[in-house]
Amino acid sequence: MQDLIGQPVVVENKPGAATNIGADFVAKAQPDGYTILLGDVATFAANPSLYKSSPSIPPRTSRRSR
């Protein structure tokens, strides 16, 4: 990735709690465009149905057909 963007890249692993620790870290990071999250199905699909709330999980919305 460093070669592609021409800047140093730091990888900081934040394992644990079904990716909630890392997702919470990214959700609270400064919106400067330098922090990314690489997650999996647990991060984006399973966790919202397993945990009532988390700073990294967006609020549920109503999905009604129109």
PDB file of N, CA and C in Angstrom:
ATOM      1  N   MET A   1       0.817  -1.180   0.000  1.00  0.00           N
ATOM      2  CA  MET A   1       0.000   0.000   0.000  1.00  0.00           C
ATOM      3  C   MET A   1       0.869   1.256   0.000  1.00  0.00           C
ATOM      4  N   GLN A   2       1.996   1.207   0.694  1.00  0.00           N
ATOM      5  CA  GLN A   2       2.902   2.357   0.725  1.00  0.00           C
ATOM      6  C   GLN A   2       3.342   2.751  -0.670  1.00  0.00           C
ATOM      7  N   ASP A   3       3.673   1.772  -1.480  1.00  0.00           N
ATOM      8  CA  ASP A   3       4.102   2.062  -2.853  1.00  0.00           C
ATOM      9  C   ASP A   3       2.970   2.680  -3.667  1.00  0.00           C
ATOM     10  N   LEU A   4       1.767   2.239  -3.416  1.00  0.00           N
ATOM     11  CA  LEU A   4       0.618   2.723  -4.166  1.00  0.00           C
ATOM     12  C   LEU A   4       0.288   4.179  -3.846  1.00  0.00           C
ATOM     13  N   ILE A   5       0.324   4.560  -2.564  1.00  0.00           N
ATOM     14  CA  ILE A   5      -0.074   5.924  -2.194  1.00  0.00           C
ATOM     15  C   ILE A   5       1.105   6.854  -1.939  1.00  0.00           C
ATOM     16  N   GLY A   6       2.305   6.299  -1.888  1.00  0.00           N
ATOM     17  CA  GLY A   6       3.498   7.120  -1.729  1.00  0.00           C
ATOM     18  C   GLY A   6       3.696   7.700  -0.344  1.00  0.00           C
ATOM     19  N   GLN A   7       3.096   7.073   0.668  1.00  0.00           N
ATOM     20  CA  GLN A   7       3.232   7.520   2.048  1.00  0.00           C
ATOM     21  C   GLN A   7       3.415   6.314   2.944  1.00  0.00           C
ATOM     22  N   PRO A   8       4.044   6.502   4.106  1.00  0.00           N
ATOM     23  CA  PRO A   8       4.161   5.392   5.048  1.00  0.00           C
ATOM     24  C   PRO A   8       2.782   4.936   5.534  1.00  0.00           C
ATOM     25  N   VAL A   9       2.656   3.650   5.795  1.00  0.00           N
ATOM     26  CA  VAL A   9       1.407   3.067   6.288  1.00  0.00           C
ATOM     27  C   VAL A   9       1.702   2.341   7.592  1.00  0.00           C
ATOM     28  N   VAL A  10       0.893   2.604   8.604  1.00  0.00           N
ATOM     29  CA  VAL A  10       1.014   1.936   9.893  1.00  0.00           C
ATOM     30  C   VAL A  10      -0.214   1.061  10.080  1.00  0.00           C
ATOM     31  N   VAL A  11       0.005  -0.213  10.396  1.00  0.00           N
ATOM     32  CA  VAL A  11      -1.089  -1.132  10.668  1.00  0.00           C
ATOM     33  C   VAL A  11      -1.147  -1.346  12.168  1.00  0.00           C
ATOM     34  N   GLU A  12      -2.292  -1.023  12.751  1.00  0.00           N
ATOM     35  CA  GLU A  12      -2.473  -1.191  14.194  1.00  0.00           C
ATOM     36  C   GLU A  12      -3.630  -2.158  14.410  1.00  0.00           C
ATOM     37  N   ASN A  13      -3.303  -3.394  14.756  1.00  0.00           N
ATOM     38  CA  ASN A  13      -4.331  -4.400  14.992  1.00  0.00           C
ATOM     39  C   ASN A  13      -5.013  -4.142  16.323  1.00  0.00           C
ATOM     40  N   LYS A  14      -6.329  -4.195  16.329  1.00  0.00           N
ATOM     41  CA  LYS A  14      -7.142  -4.013  17.537  1.00  0.00           C
ATOM     42  C   LYS A  14      -8.100  -5.203  17.629  1.00  0.00           C
ATOM     43  N   PRO A  15      -7.588  -6.377  17.993  1.00  0.00           N
ATOM     44  CA  PRO A  15      -8.453  -7.554  18.019  1.00  0.00           C
ATOM     45  C   PRO A  15      -9.329  -7.603  19.269  1.00  0.00           C
ATOM     46  N   GLY A  16     -10.360  -8.396  19.194  1.00  0.00           N
ATOM     47  CA  GLY A  16     -11.186  -8.680  20.359  1.00  0.00           C
ATOM     48  C   GLY A  16     -12.618  -8.219  20.223  1.00  0.00           C
ATOM     49  N   ALA A  17     -13.467  -8.833  21.025  1.00  0.00           N
ATOM     50  CA  ALA A  17     -14.890  -8.479  21.114  1.00  0.00           C
ATOM     51  C   ALA A  17     -15.567  -8.490  19.751  1.00  0.00           C
ATOM     52  N   ALA A  18     -15.284  -9.496  18.964  1.00  0.00           N
ATOM     53  CA  ALA A  18     -15.926  -9.659  17.652  1.00  0.00           C
ATOM     54  C   ALA A  18     -15.755  -8.423  16.781  1.00  0.00           C
ATOM     55  N   THR A  19     -14.576  -7.856  16.785  1.00  0.00           N
ATOM     56  CA  THR A  19     -14.181  -6.687  16.001  1.00  0.00           C
ATOM     57  C   THR A  19     -14.730  -5.371  16.557  1.00  0.00           C
ATOM     58  N   ASN A  20     -15.489  -5.414  17.642  1.00  0.00           N
ATOM     59  CA  ASN A  20     -16.067  -4.185  18.196  1.00  0.00           C
ATOM     60  C   ASN A  20     -15.008  -3.219  18.711  1.00  0.00           C
ATOM     61  N   ILE A  21     -13.907  -3.714  19.238  1.00  0.00           N
ATOM     62  CA  ILE A  21     -12.856  -2.833  19.747  1.00  0.00           C
ATOM     63  C   ILE A  21     -12.245  -2.016  18.607  1.00  0.00           C
ATOM     64  N   GLY A  22     -11.895  -2.676  17.532  1.00  0.00           N
ATOM     65  CA  GLY A  22     -11.328  -1.970  16.383  1.00  0.00           C
ATOM     66  C   GLY A  22     -12.330  -1.059  15.713  1.00  0.00           C
ATOM     67  N   ALA A  23     -13.564  -1.506  15.570  1.00  0.00           N
ATOM     68  CA  ALA A  23     -14.592  -0.681  14.944  1.00  0.00           C
ATOM     69  C   ALA A  23     -14.884   0.555  15.789  1.00  0.00           C
ATOM     70  N   ASP A  24     -14.879   0.402  17.101  1.00  0.00           N
ATOM     71  CA  ASP A  24     -15.096   1.538  17.992  1.00  0.00           C
ATOM     72  C   ASP A  24     -13.954   2.544  17.861  1.00  0.00           C
ATOM     73  N   PHE A  25     -12.734   2.050  17.767  1.00  0.00           N
ATOM     74  CA  PHE A  25     -11.567   2.921  17.597  1.00  0.00           C
ATOM     75  C   PHE A  25     -11.691   3.748  16.315  1.00  0.00           C
ATOM     76  N   VAL A  26     -12.069   3.097  15.230  1.00  0.00           N
ATOM     77  CA  VAL A  26     -12.194   3.794  13.943  1.00  0.00           C
ATOM     78  C   VAL A  26     -13.370   4.772  13.973  1.00  0.00           C
ATOM     79  N   ALA A  27     -14.478   4.378  14.602  1.00  0.00           N
ATOM     80  CA  ALA A  27     -15.642   5.260  14.671  1.00  0.00           C
ATOM     81  C   ALA A  27     -15.335   6.545  15.429  1.00  0.00           C
ATOM     82  N   LYS A  28     -14.439   6.470  16.411  1.00  0.00           N
ATOM     83  CA  LYS A  28     -14.107   7.639  17.222  1.00  0.00           C
ATOM     84  C   LYS A  28     -12.883   8.408  16.710  1.00  0.00           C
ATOM     85  N   ALA A  29     -12.251   7.932  15.651  1.00  0.00           N
ATOM     86  CA  ALA A  29     -11.055   8.584  15.108  1.00  0.00           C
ATOM     87  C   ALA A  29     -11.419   9.910  14.456  1.00  0.00           C
ATOM     88  N   GLN A  30     -10.440  10.796  14.376  1.00  0.00           N
ATOM     89  CA  GLN A  30     -10.640  12.068  13.690  1.00  0.00           C
ATOM     90  C   GLN A  30     -11.005  11.801  12.228  1.00  0.00           C
ATOM     91  N   PRO A  31     -11.986  12.496  11.686  1.00  0.00           N
ATOM     92  CA  PRO A  31     -12.373  12.278  10.286  1.00  0.00           C
ATOM     93  C   PRO A  31     -11.408  12.963   9.321  1.00  0.00           C
ATOM     94  N   ASP A  32     -10.156  12.482   9.319  1.00  0.00           N
ATOM     95  CA  ASP A  32      -9.119  13.113   8.510  1.00  0.00           C
ATOM     96  C   ASP A  32      -8.801  12.350   7.231  1.00  0.00           C
ATOM     97  N   GLY A  33      -9.467  11.225   7.025  1.00  0.00           N
ATOM     98  CA  GLY A  33      -9.233  10.442   5.825  1.00  0.00           C
ATOM     99  C   GLY A  33      -8.038   9.511   5.899  1.00  0.00           C
ATOM    100  N   TYR A  34      -7.418   9.399   7.075  1.00  0.00           N
ATOM    101  CA  TYR A  34      -6.235   8.557   7.218  1.00  0.00           C
ATOM    102  C   TYR A  34      -6.496   7.267   7.978  1.00  0.00           C
ATOM    103  N   THR A  35      -7.689   7.043   8.467  1.00  0.00           N
ATOM    104  CA  THR A  35      -7.998   5.846   9.240  1.00  0.00           C
ATOM    105  C   THR A  35      -9.013   5.013   8.476  1.00  0.00           C
ATOM    106  N   ILE A  36      -8.717   3.730   8.303  1.00  0.00           N
ATOM    107  CA  ILE A  36      -9.646   2.834   7.622  1.00  0.00           C
ATOM    108  C   ILE A  36      -9.882   1.601   8.485  1.00  0.00           C
ATOM    109  N   LEU A  37     -10.987   0.942   8.243  1.00  0.00           N
ATOM    110  CA  LEU A  37     -11.335  -0.284   8.953  1.00  0.00           C
ATOM    111  C   LEU A  37     -11.511  -1.397   7.941  1.00  0.00           C
ATOM    112  N   LEU A  38     -10.836  -2.472   8.170  1.00  0.00           N
ATOM    113  CA  LEU A  38     -11.042  -3.668   7.357  1.00  0.00           C
ATOM    114  C   LEU A  38     -11.768  -4.663   8.244  1.00  0.00           C
ATOM    115  N   GLY A  39     -13.029  -4.893   7.956  1.00  0.00           N
ATOM    116  CA  GLY A  39     -13.840  -5.783   8.774  1.00  0.00           C
ATOM    117  C   GLY A  39     -14.356  -6.952   7.968  1.00  0.00           C
ATOM    118  N   ASP A  40     -15.185  -7.737   8.618  1.00  0.00           N
ATOM    119  CA  ASP A  40     -15.765  -8.896   7.955  1.00  0.00           C
ATOM    120  C   ASP A  40     -17.262  -8.928   8.253  1.00  0.00           C
ATOM    121  N   VAL A  41     -17.888 -10.042   7.989  1.00  0.00           N
ATOM    122  CA  VAL A  41     -19.331 -10.142   8.177  1.00  0.00           C
ATOM    123  C   VAL A  41     -19.726  -9.910   9.643  1.00  0.00           C
ATOM    124  N   ALA A  42     -18.879 -10.281  10.586  1.00  0.00           N
ATOM    125  CA  ALA A  42     -19.202 -10.053  12.002  1.00  0.00           C
ATOM    126  C   ALA A  42     -19.299  -8.562  12.294  1.00  0.00           C
ATOM    127  N   THR A  43     -18.394  -7.787  11.749  1.00  0.00           N
ATOM    128  CA  THR A  43     -18.360  -6.348  12.005  1.00  0.00           C
ATOM    129  C   THR A  43     -19.606  -5.651  11.500  1.00  0.00           C
ATOM    130  N   PHE A  44     -20.025  -5.976  10.305  1.00  0.00           N
ATOM    131  CA  PHE A  44     -21.059  -5.201   9.639  1.00  0.00           C
ATOM    132  C   PHE A  44     -22.436  -5.856   9.594  1.00  0.00           C
ATOM    133  N   ALA A  45     -22.534  -7.156   9.820  1.00  0.00           N
ATOM    134  CA  ALA A  45     -23.833  -7.829   9.727  1.00  0.00           C
ATOM    135  C   ALA A  45     -24.241  -8.513  11.028  1.00  0.00           C
ATOM    136  N   ALA A  46     -23.356  -9.294  11.614  1.00  0.00           N
ATOM    137  CA  ALA A  46     -23.728 -10.057  12.807  1.00  0.00           C
ATOM    138  C   ALA A  46     -23.771  -9.197  14.065  1.00  0.00           C
ATOM    139  N   ASN A  47     -22.784  -8.339  14.269  1.00  0.00           N
ATOM    140  CA  ASN A  47     -22.721  -7.563  15.507  1.00  0.00           C
ATOM    141  C   ASN A  47     -23.957  -6.698  15.753  1.00  0.00           C
ATOM    142  N   PRO A  48     -24.509  -6.035  14.749  1.00  0.00           N
ATOM    143  CA  PRO A  48     -25.712  -5.241  15.019  1.00  0.00           C
ATOM    144  C   PRO A  48     -26.882  -6.067  15.562  1.00  0.00           C
ATOM    145  N   SER A  49     -26.943  -7.349  15.231  1.00  0.00           N
ATOM    146  CA  SER A  49     -28.035  -8.171  15.763  1.00  0.00           C
ATOM    147  C   SER A  49     -27.666  -8.838  17.092  1.00  0.00           C
ATOM    148  N   LEU A  50     -26.378  -8.863  17.426  1.00  0.00           N
ATOM    149  CA  LEU A  50     -25.947  -9.494  18.674  1.00  0.00           C
ATOM    150  C   LEU A  50     -25.805  -8.526  19.838  1.00  0.00           C
ATOM    151  N   TYR A  51     -25.491  -7.270  19.552  1.00  0.00           N
ATOM    152  CA  TYR A  51     -25.249  -6.279  20.596  1.00  0.00           C
ATOM    153  C   TYR A  51     -26.276  -5.156  20.489  1.00  0.00           C
ATOM    154  N   LYS A  52     -26.807  -4.738  21.635  1.00  0.00           N
ATOM    155  CA  LYS A  52     -27.841  -3.695  21.628  1.00  0.00           C
ATOM    156  C   LYS A  52     -27.316  -2.367  21.121  1.00  0.00           C
ATOM    157  N   SER A  53     -26.122  -1.972  21.581  1.00  0.00           N
ATOM    158  CA  SER A  53     -25.583  -0.695  21.127  1.00  0.00           C
ATOM    159  C   SER A  53     -24.068  -0.720  21.182  1.00  0.00           C
ATOM    160  N   SER A  54     -23.499   0.103  20.362  1.00  0.00           N
ATOM    161  CA  SER A  54     -22.058   0.273  20.307  1.00  0.00           C
ATOM    162  C   SER A  54     -21.812   1.534  19.496  1.00  0.00           C
ATOM    163  N   PRO A  55     -20.788   2.317  19.848  1.00  0.00           N
ATOM    164  CA  PRO A  55     -20.511   3.519  19.063  1.00  0.00           C
ATOM    165  C   PRO A  55     -20.212   3.216  17.598  1.00  0.00           C
ATOM    166  N   SER A  56     -19.795   2.005  17.302  1.00  0.00           N
ATOM    167  CA  SER A  56     -19.446   1.684  15.923  1.00  0.00           C
ATOM    168  C   SER A  56     -20.616   1.112  15.135  1.00  0.00           C
ATOM    169  N   ILE A  57     -21.743   0.871  15.779  1.00  0.00           N
ATOM    170  CA  ILE A  57     -22.896   0.298  15.097  1.00  0.00           C
ATOM    171  C   ILE A  57     -23.922   1.404  14.864  1.00  0.00           C
ATOM    172  N   PRO A  58     -24.264   1.692  13.609  1.00  0.00           N
ATOM    173  CA  PRO A  58     -25.241   2.752  13.351  1.00  0.00           C
ATOM    174  C   PRO A  58     -26.613   2.362  13.880  1.00  0.00           C
ATOM    175  N   PRO A  59     -27.445   3.335  14.218  1.00  0.00           N
ATOM    176  CA  PRO A  59     -28.789   3.015  14.703  1.00  0.00           C
ATOM    177  C   PRO A  59     -29.587   2.305  13.613  1.00  0.00           C
ATOM    178  N   ARG A  60     -30.457   1.425  14.044  1.00  0.00           N
ATOM    179  CA  ARG A  60     -31.284   0.699  13.065  1.00  0.00           C
ATOM    180  C   ARG A  60     -32.308   1.636  12.454  1.00  0.00           C
ATOM    181  N   THR A  61     -32.597   1.396  11.207  1.00  0.00           N
ATOM    182  CA  THR A  61     -33.581   2.219  10.514  1.00  0.00           C
ATOM    183  C   THR A  61     -34.710   1.322  10.047  1.00  0.00           C
ATOM    184  N   SER A  62     -35.831   1.911   9.844  1.00  0.00           N
ATOM    185  CA  SER A  62     -36.988   1.164   9.354  1.00  0.00           C
ATOM    186  C   SER A  62     -36.799   0.912   7.862  1.00  0.00           C
ATOM    187  N   ARG A  63     -37.044  -0.313   7.442  1.00  0.00           N
ATOM    188  CA  ARG A  63     -36.907  -0.663   6.013  1.00  0.00           C
ATOM    189  C   ARG A  63     -38.255  -1.081   5.456  1.00  0.00           C
ATOM    190  N   ARG A  64     -39.083  -0.135   5.227  1.00  0.00           N
ATOM    191  CA  ARG A  64     -40.404  -0.415   4.673  1.00  0.00           C
ATOM    192  C   ARG A  64     -40.369  -0.265   3.177  1.00  0.00           C
ATOM    193  N   SER A  65     -41.077  -1.138   2.499  1.00  0.00           N
ATOM    194  CA  SER A  65     -41.163  -0.979   1.054  1.00  0.00           C
ATOM    195  C   SER A  65     -42.180   0.109   0.744  1.00  0.00           C
ATOM    196  N   ARG A  66     -41.915   0.862  -0.291  1.00  0.00           N
ATOM    197  CA  ARG A  66     -42.809   1.981  -0.642  1.00  0.00           C
ATOM    198  C   ARG A  66     -43.651   1.654  -1.824  1.00  0.00           C
TER     199      ARG A  66
END
